[in-house]
Amino acid sequence: MDVSKVSSKYQIVIPKQIRERLGIRPGETVEFQLKGDRAELERVPELAELEGIWKDLGLPRFQREREADRW
């Protein structure tokens, strides 16, 4: 179990093992979610990482249909 202490400014240090496992780098965004009396930390992916995520959902076909409607 990794432990971190809360500073006087309510800041914490994410332990190295957890940062590496989640791929958290300086300047990135993390999200906290409350689950009962616990808090979960999750790395928020950057926009560039989401590129192509909708590829398998037919988005390119939808775009072609919309372009055809414009003509």
PDB file of N, CA and C in Angstrom:
ATOM      1  N   MET A   1       0.848  -1.175   0.000  1.00  0.00           N
ATOM      2  CA  MET A   1       0.000   0.000   0.000  1.00  0.00           C
ATOM      3  C   MET A   1       0.891   1.235   0.000  1.00  0.00           C
ATOM      4  N   ASP A   2       0.612   2.156  -0.919  1.00  0.00           N
ATOM      5  CA  ASP A   2       1.338   3.419  -0.979  1.00  0.00           C
ATOM      6  C   ASP A   2       0.586   4.467  -0.175  1.00  0.00           C
ATOM      7  N   VAL A   3       1.340   5.287   0.538  1.00  0.00           N
ATOM      8  CA  VAL A   3       0.750   6.303   1.410  1.00  0.00           C
ATOM      9  C   VAL A   3       1.322   7.666   1.032  1.00  0.00           C
ATOM     10  N   SER A   4       0.502   8.704   1.111  1.00  0.00           N
ATOM     11  CA  SER A   4       0.933  10.064   0.846  1.00  0.00           C
ATOM     12  C   SER A   4       0.326  10.967   1.915  1.00  0.00           C
ATOM     13  N   LYS A   5       1.052  11.998   2.289  1.00  0.00           N
ATOM     14  CA  LYS A   5       0.592  12.923   3.322  1.00  0.00           C
ATOM     15  C   LYS A   5       0.036  14.189   2.671  1.00  0.00           C
ATOM     16  N   VAL A   6      -1.029  14.735   3.225  1.00  0.00           N
ATOM     17  CA  VAL A   6      -1.644  15.955   2.722  1.00  0.00           C
ATOM     18  C   VAL A   6      -0.874  17.152   3.276  1.00  0.00           C
ATOM     19  N   SER A   7      -0.476  18.075   2.375  1.00  0.00           N
ATOM     20  CA  SER A   7       0.270  19.262   2.806  1.00  0.00           C
ATOM     21  C   SER A   7      -0.681  20.289   3.408  1.00  0.00           C
ATOM     22  N   SER A   8      -0.117  21.372   3.906  1.00  0.00           N
ATOM     23  CA  SER A   8      -0.934  22.445   4.486  1.00  0.00           C
ATOM     24  C   SER A   8      -1.804  23.120   3.427  1.00  0.00           C
ATOM     25  N   LYS A   9      -1.445  22.958   2.146  1.00  0.00           N
ATOM     26  CA  LYS A   9      -2.247  23.507   1.044  1.00  0.00           C
ATOM     27  C   LYS A   9      -3.152  22.434   0.433  1.00  0.00           C
ATOM     28  N   TYR A  10      -3.334  21.334   1.142  1.00  0.00           N
ATOM     29  CA  TYR A  10      -4.190  20.219   0.725  1.00  0.00           C
ATOM     30  C   TYR A  10      -3.694  19.549  -0.553  1.00  0.00           C
ATOM     31  N   GLN A  11      -2.387  19.572  -0.771  1.00  0.00           N
ATOM     32  CA  GLN A  11      -1.802  18.897  -1.919  1.00  0.00           C
ATOM     33  C   GLN A  11      -1.263  17.544  -1.483  1.00  0.00           C
ATOM     34  N   ILE A  12      -1.262  16.594  -2.435  1.00  0.00           N
ATOM     35  CA  ILE A  12      -0.688  15.284  -2.169  1.00  0.00           C
ATOM     36  C   ILE A  12       0.285  14.936  -3.287  1.00  0.00           C
ATOM     37  N   VAL A  13       1.203  14.031  -3.009  1.00  0.00           N
ATOM     38  CA  VAL A  13       2.108  13.514  -4.024  1.00  0.00           C
ATOM     39  C   VAL A  13       1.613  12.127  -4.395  1.00  0.00           C
ATOM     40  N   ILE A  14       1.435  11.906  -5.695  1.00  0.00           N
ATOM     41  CA  ILE A  14       1.023  10.584  -6.153  1.00  0.00           C
ATOM     42  C   ILE A  14       2.269   9.708  -6.159  1.00  0.00           C
ATOM     43  N   PRO A  15       2.262   8.618  -5.435  1.00  0.00           N
ATOM     44  CA  PRO A  15       3.442   7.761  -5.368  1.00  0.00           C
ATOM     45  C   PRO A  15       3.909   7.309  -6.764  1.00  0.00           C
ATOM     46  N   LYS A  16       5.218   7.168  -6.912  1.00  0.00           N
ATOM     47  CA  LYS A  16       5.831   6.847  -8.195  1.00  0.00           C
ATOM     48  C   LYS A  16       5.227   5.605  -8.846  1.00  0.00           C
ATOM     49  N   GLN A  17       5.041   4.559  -8.073  1.00  0.00           N
ATOM     50  CA  GLN A  17       4.507   3.307  -8.618  1.00  0.00           C
ATOM     51  C   GLN A  17       3.123   3.522  -9.245  1.00  0.00           C
ATOM     52  N   ILE A  18       2.302   4.331  -8.612  1.00  0.00           N
ATOM     53  CA  ILE A  18       0.959   4.602  -9.122  1.00  0.00           C
ATOM     54  C   ILE A  18       1.023   5.512 -10.346  1.00  0.00           C
ATOM     55  N   ARG A  19       1.882   6.547 -10.305  1.00  0.00           N
ATOM     56  CA  ARG A  19       2.052   7.428 -11.474  1.00  0.00           C
ATOM     57  C   ARG A  19       2.468   6.635 -12.694  1.00  0.00           C
ATOM     58  N   GLU A  20       3.427   5.741 -12.508  1.00  0.00           N
ATOM     59  CA  GLU A  20       3.916   4.941 -13.632  1.00  0.00           C
ATOM     60  C   GLU A  20       2.842   3.990 -14.144  1.00  0.00           C
ATOM     61  N   ARG A  21       2.116   3.378 -13.263  1.00  0.00           N
ATOM     62  CA  ARG A  21       1.075   2.421 -13.659  1.00  0.00           C
ATOM     63  C   ARG A  21      -0.047   3.096 -14.439  1.00  0.00           C
ATOM     64  N   LEU A  22      -0.405   4.315 -14.025  1.00  0.00           N
ATOM     65  CA  LEU A  22      -1.472   5.056 -14.701  1.00  0.00           C
ATOM     66  C   LEU A  22      -0.964   5.910 -15.857  1.00  0.00           C
ATOM     67  N   GLY A  23       0.345   6.057 -15.969  1.00  0.00           N
ATOM     68  CA  GLY A  23       0.916   6.872 -17.040  1.00  0.00           C
ATOM     69  C   GLY A  23       0.721   8.356 -16.828  1.00  0.00           C
ATOM     70  N   ILE A  24       0.702   8.784 -15.582  1.00  0.00           N
ATOM     71  CA  ILE A  24       0.500  10.199 -15.257  1.00  0.00           C
ATOM     72  C   ILE A  24       1.833  10.937 -15.367  1.00  0.00           C
ATOM     73  N   ARG A  25       1.805  12.049 -16.128  1.00  0.00           N
ATOM     74  CA  ARG A  25       3.008  12.859 -16.313  1.00  0.00           C
ATOM     75  C   ARG A  25       2.724  14.284 -15.817  1.00  0.00           C
ATOM     76  N   PRO A  26       3.776  15.051 -15.535  1.00  0.00           N
ATOM     77  CA  PRO A  26       3.575  16.429 -15.060  1.00  0.00           C
ATOM     78  C   PRO A  26       2.712  17.243 -16.024  1.00  0.00           C
ATOM     79  N   GLY A  27       1.781  18.007 -15.481  1.00  0.00           N
ATOM     80  CA  GLY A  27       0.916  18.868 -16.272  1.00  0.00           C
ATOM     81  C   GLY A  27      -0.355  18.197 -16.769  1.00  0.00           C
ATOM     82  N   GLU A  28      -0.473  16.886 -16.613  1.00  0.00           N
ATOM     83  CA  GLU A  28      -1.682  16.195 -17.060  1.00  0.00           C
ATOM     84  C   GLU A  28      -2.803  16.376 -16.037  1.00  0.00           C
ATOM     85  N   THR A  29      -4.003  16.039 -16.464  1.00  0.00           N
ATOM     86  CA  THR A  29      -5.187  16.184 -15.622  1.00  0.00           C
ATOM     87  C   THR A  29      -5.597  14.829 -15.061  1.00  0.00           C
ATOM     88  N   VAL A  30      -6.000  14.838 -13.802  1.00  0.00           N
ATOM     89  CA  VAL A  30      -6.533  13.643 -13.167  1.00  0.00           C
ATOM     90  C   VAL A  30      -7.929  13.965 -12.651  1.00  0.00           C
ATOM     91  N   GLU A  31      -8.729  12.944 -12.518  1.00  0.00           N
ATOM     92  CA  GLU A  31     -10.109  13.114 -12.057  1.00  0.00           C
ATOM     93  C   GLU A  31     -10.292  12.326 -10.763  1.00  0.00           C
ATOM     94  N   PHE A  32     -10.981  12.934  -9.814  1.00  0.00           N
ATOM     95  CA  PHE A  32     -11.315  12.262  -8.559  1.00  0.00           C
ATOM     96  C   PHE A  32     -12.800  11.956  -8.565  1.00  0.00           C
ATOM     97  N   GLN A  33     -13.158  10.746  -8.172  1.00  0.00           N
ATOM     98  CA  GLN A  33     -14.562  10.366  -8.048  1.00  0.00           C
ATOM     99  C   GLN A  33     -14.778   9.801  -6.656  1.00  0.00           C
ATOM    100  N   LEU A  34     -15.846  10.240  -6.023  1.00  0.00           N
ATOM    101  CA  LEU A  34     -16.185   9.712  -4.710  1.00  0.00           C
ATOM    102  C   LEU A  34     -16.992   8.433  -4.864  1.00  0.00           C
ATOM    103  N   LYS A  35     -16.601   7.410  -4.149  1.00  0.00           N
ATOM    104  CA  LYS A  35     -17.296   6.126  -4.122  1.00  0.00           C
ATOM    105  C   LYS A  35     -17.554   5.809  -2.656  1.00  0.00           C
ATOM    106  N   GLY A  36     -18.708   6.239  -2.170  1.00  0.00           N
ATOM    107  CA  GLY A  36     -19.005   6.081  -0.749  1.00  0.00           C
ATOM    108  C   GLY A  36     -18.086   6.992   0.046  1.00  0.00           C
ATOM    109  N   ASP A  37     -17.303   6.403   0.959  1.00  0.00           N
ATOM    110  CA  ASP A  37     -16.368   7.202   1.751  1.00  0.00           C
ATOM    111  C   ASP A  37     -14.935   7.062   1.222  1.00  0.00           C
ATOM    112  N   ARG A  38     -14.803   6.693  -0.049  1.00  0.00           N
ATOM    113  CA  ARG A  38     -13.497   6.541  -0.702  1.00  0.00           C
ATOM    114  C   ARG A  38     -13.413   7.477  -1.898  1.00  0.00           C
ATOM    115  N   ALA A  39     -12.192   7.821  -2.293  1.00  0.00           N
ATOM    116  CA  ALA A  39     -11.971   8.625  -3.487  1.00  0.00           C
ATOM    117  C   ALA A  39     -11.116   7.817  -4.460  1.00  0.00           C
ATOM    118  N   GLU A  40     -11.520   7.815  -5.724  1.00  0.00           N
ATOM    119  CA  GLU A  40     -10.760   7.137  -6.763  1.00  0.00           C
ATOM    120  C   GLU A  40     -10.110   8.179  -7.654  1.00  0.00           C
ATOM    121  N   LEU A  41      -8.892   7.894  -8.083  1.00  0.00           N
ATOM    122  CA  LEU A  41      -8.125   8.779  -8.941  1.00  0.00           C
ATOM    123  C   LEU A  41      -8.010   8.135 -10.309  1.00  0.00           C
ATOM    124  N   GLU A  42      -8.276   8.905 -11.364  1.00  0.00           N
ATOM    125  CA  GLU A  42      -8.190   8.385 -12.723  1.00  0.00           C
ATOM    126  C   GLU A  42      -7.517   9.419 -13.613  1.00  0.00           C
ATOM    127  N   ARG A  43      -6.619   8.959 -14.462  1.00  0.00           N
ATOM    128  CA  ARG A  43      -5.946   9.835 -15.418  1.00  0.00           C
ATOM    129  C   ARG A  43      -6.933  10.186 -16.521  1.00  0.00           C
ATOM    130  N   VAL A  44      -7.012  11.475 -16.887  1.00  0.00           N
ATOM    131  CA  VAL A  44      -7.878  11.934 -17.961  1.00  0.00           C
ATOM    132  C   VAL A  44      -7.043  11.944 -19.239  1.00  0.00           C
ATOM    133  N   PRO A  45      -7.442  11.168 -20.255  1.00  0.00           N
ATOM    134  CA  PRO A  45      -6.651  11.137 -21.485  1.00  0.00           C
ATOM    135  C   PRO A  45      -6.687  12.483 -22.202  1.00  0.00           C
ATOM    136  N   GLU A  46      -5.586  12.809 -22.881  1.00  0.00           N
ATOM    137  CA  GLU A  46      -5.534  14.044 -23.654  1.00  0.00           C
ATOM    138  C   GLU A  46      -6.287  13.844 -24.963  1.00  0.00           C
ATOM    139  N   LEU A  47      -6.700  14.931 -25.565  1.00  0.00           N
ATOM    140  CA  LEU A  47      -7.501  14.879 -26.779  1.00  0.00           C
ATOM    141  C   LEU A  47      -6.804  14.091 -27.888  1.00  0.00           C
ATOM    142  N   ALA A  48      -5.511  14.263 -28.041  1.00  0.00           N
ATOM    143  CA  ALA A  48      -4.767  13.563 -29.088  1.00  0.00           C
ATOM    144  C   ALA A  48      -4.831  12.048 -28.902  1.00  0.00           C
ATOM    145  N   GLU A  49      -4.918  11.594 -27.666  1.00  0.00           N
ATOM    146  CA  GLU A  49      -5.000  10.155 -27.397  1.00  0.00           C
ATOM    147  C   GLU A  49      -6.344   9.574 -27.805  1.00  0.00           C
ATOM    148  N   LEU A  50      -7.363  10.414 -27.906  1.00  0.00           N
ATOM    149  CA  LEU A  50      -8.704   9.951 -28.244  1.00  0.00           C
ATOM    150  C   LEU A  50      -8.942   9.895 -29.750  1.00  0.00           C
ATOM    151  N   GLU A  51      -7.975  10.386 -30.529  1.00  0.00           N
ATOM    152  CA  GLU A  51      -8.117  10.378 -31.984  1.00  0.00           C
ATOM    153  C   GLU A  51      -8.339   8.951 -32.485  1.00  0.00           C
ATOM    154  N   GLY A  52      -9.365   8.764 -33.275  1.00  0.00           N
ATOM    155  CA  GLY A  52      -9.656   7.459 -33.837  1.00  0.00           C
ATOM    156  C   GLY A  52     -10.491   6.555 -32.943  1.00  0.00           C
ATOM    157  N   ILE A  53     -10.870   7.014 -31.764  1.00  0.00           N
ATOM    158  CA  ILE A  53     -11.617   6.169 -30.835  1.00  0.00           C
ATOM    159  C   ILE A  53     -13.008   5.820 -31.391  1.00  0.00           C
ATOM    160  N   TRP A  54     -13.577   6.700 -32.220  1.00  0.00           N
ATOM    161  CA  TRP A  54     -14.912   6.469 -32.765  1.00  0.00           C
ATOM    162  C   TRP A  54     -14.858   5.734 -34.102  1.00  0.00           C
ATOM    163  N   LYS A  55     -13.675   5.400 -34.551  1.00  0.00           N
ATOM    164  CA  LYS A  55     -13.481   4.766 -35.854  1.00  0.00           C
ATOM    165  C   LYS A  55     -14.373   3.535 -36.043  1.00  0.00           C
ATOM    166  N   ASP A  56     -14.484   2.713 -35.030  1.00  0.00           N
ATOM    167  CA  ASP A  56     -15.258   1.480 -35.130  1.00  0.00           C
ATOM    168  C   ASP A  56     -16.763   1.691 -34.972  1.00  0.00           C
ATOM    169  N   LEU A  57     -17.171   2.921 -34.732  1.00  0.00           N
ATOM    170  CA  LEU A  57     -18.597   3.182 -34.526  1.00  0.00           C
ATOM    171  C   LEU A  57     -19.283   3.725 -35.774  1.00  0.00           C
ATOM    172  N   GLY A  58     -18.601   3.710 -36.917  1.00  0.00           N
ATOM    173  CA  GLY A  58     -19.213   4.145 -38.163  1.00  0.00           C
ATOM    174  C   GLY A  58     -19.169   5.637 -38.398  1.00  0.00           C
ATOM    175  N   LEU A  59     -18.378   6.382 -37.662  1.00  0.00           N
ATOM    176  CA  LEU A  59     -18.321   7.829 -37.834  1.00  0.00           C
ATOM    177  C   LEU A  59     -17.893   8.228 -39.243  1.00  0.00           C
ATOM    178  N   PRO A  60     -16.868   7.609 -39.840  1.00  0.00           N
ATOM    179  CA  PRO A  60     -16.497   8.013 -41.201  1.00  0.00           C
ATOM    180  C   PRO A  60     -17.655   7.857 -42.191  1.00  0.00           C
ATOM    181  N   ARG A  61     -18.439   6.799 -42.076  1.00  0.00           N
ATOM    182  CA  ARG A  61     -19.591   6.603 -42.956  1.00  0.00           C
ATOM    183  C   ARG A  61     -20.596   7.729 -42.754  1.00  0.00           C
ATOM    184  N   PHE A  62     -20.833   8.085 -41.504  1.00  0.00           N
ATOM    185  CA  PHE A  62     -21.766   9.166 -41.185  1.00  0.00           C
ATOM    186  C   PHE A  62     -21.295  10.469 -41.811  1.00  0.00           C
ATOM    187  N   GLN A  63     -20.003  10.737 -41.744  1.00  0.00           N
ATOM    188  CA  GLN A  63     -19.468  11.963 -42.330  1.00  0.00           C
ATOM    189  C   GLN A  63     -19.667  11.960 -43.841  1.00  0.00           C
ATOM    190  N   ARG A  64     -19.472  10.817 -44.489  1.00  0.00           N
ATOM    191  CA  ARG A  64     -19.671  10.742 -45.941  1.00  0.00           C
ATOM    192  C   ARG A  64     -21.133  11.020 -46.284  1.00  0.00           C
ATOM    193  N   GLU A  65     -22.048  10.497 -45.491  1.00  0.00           N
ATOM    194  CA  GLU A  65     -23.465  10.728 -45.739  1.00  0.00           C
ATOM    195  C   GLU A  65     -23.801  12.214 -45.601  1.00  0.00           C
ATOM    196  N   ARG A  66     -23.223  12.863 -44.604  1.00  0.00           N
ATOM    197  CA  ARG A  66     -23.478  14.293 -44.405  1.00  0.00           C
ATOM    198  C   ARG A  66     -22.913  15.106 -45.553  1.00  0.00           C
ATOM    199  N   GLU A  67     -21.720  14.728 -46.027  1.00  0.00           N
ATOM    200  CA  GLU A  67     -21.133  15.450 -47.153  1.00  0.00           C
ATOM    201  C   GLU A  67     -21.984  15.289 -48.395  1.00  0.00           C
ATOM    202  N   ALA A  68     -22.559  14.113 -48.625  1.00  0.00           N
ATOM    203  CA  ALA A  68     -23.428  13.881 -49.777  1.00  0.00           C
ATOM    204  C   ALA A  68     -24.673  14.753 -49.705  1.00  0.00           C
ATOM    205  N   ASP A  69     -25.188  14.983 -48.507  1.00  0.00           N
ATOM    206  CA  ASP A  69     -26.371  15.823 -48.332  1.00  0.00           C
ATOM    207  C   ASP A  69     -26.096  17.286 -48.694  1.00  0.00           C
ATOM    208  N   ARG A  70     -24.874  17.693 -48.556  1.00  0.00           N
ATOM    209  CA  ARG A  70     -24.533  19.100 -48.831  1.00  0.00           C
ATOM    210  C   ARG A  70     -24.578  19.413 -50.317  1.00  0.00           C
ATOM    211  N   TRP A  71     -24.390  18.422 -51.166  1.00  0.00           N
ATOM    212  CA  TRP A  71     -24.341  18.662 -52.609  1.00  0.00           C
ATOM    213  C   TRP A  71     -25.723  18.612 -53.107  1.00  0.00           C
TER     214      TRP A  71
END
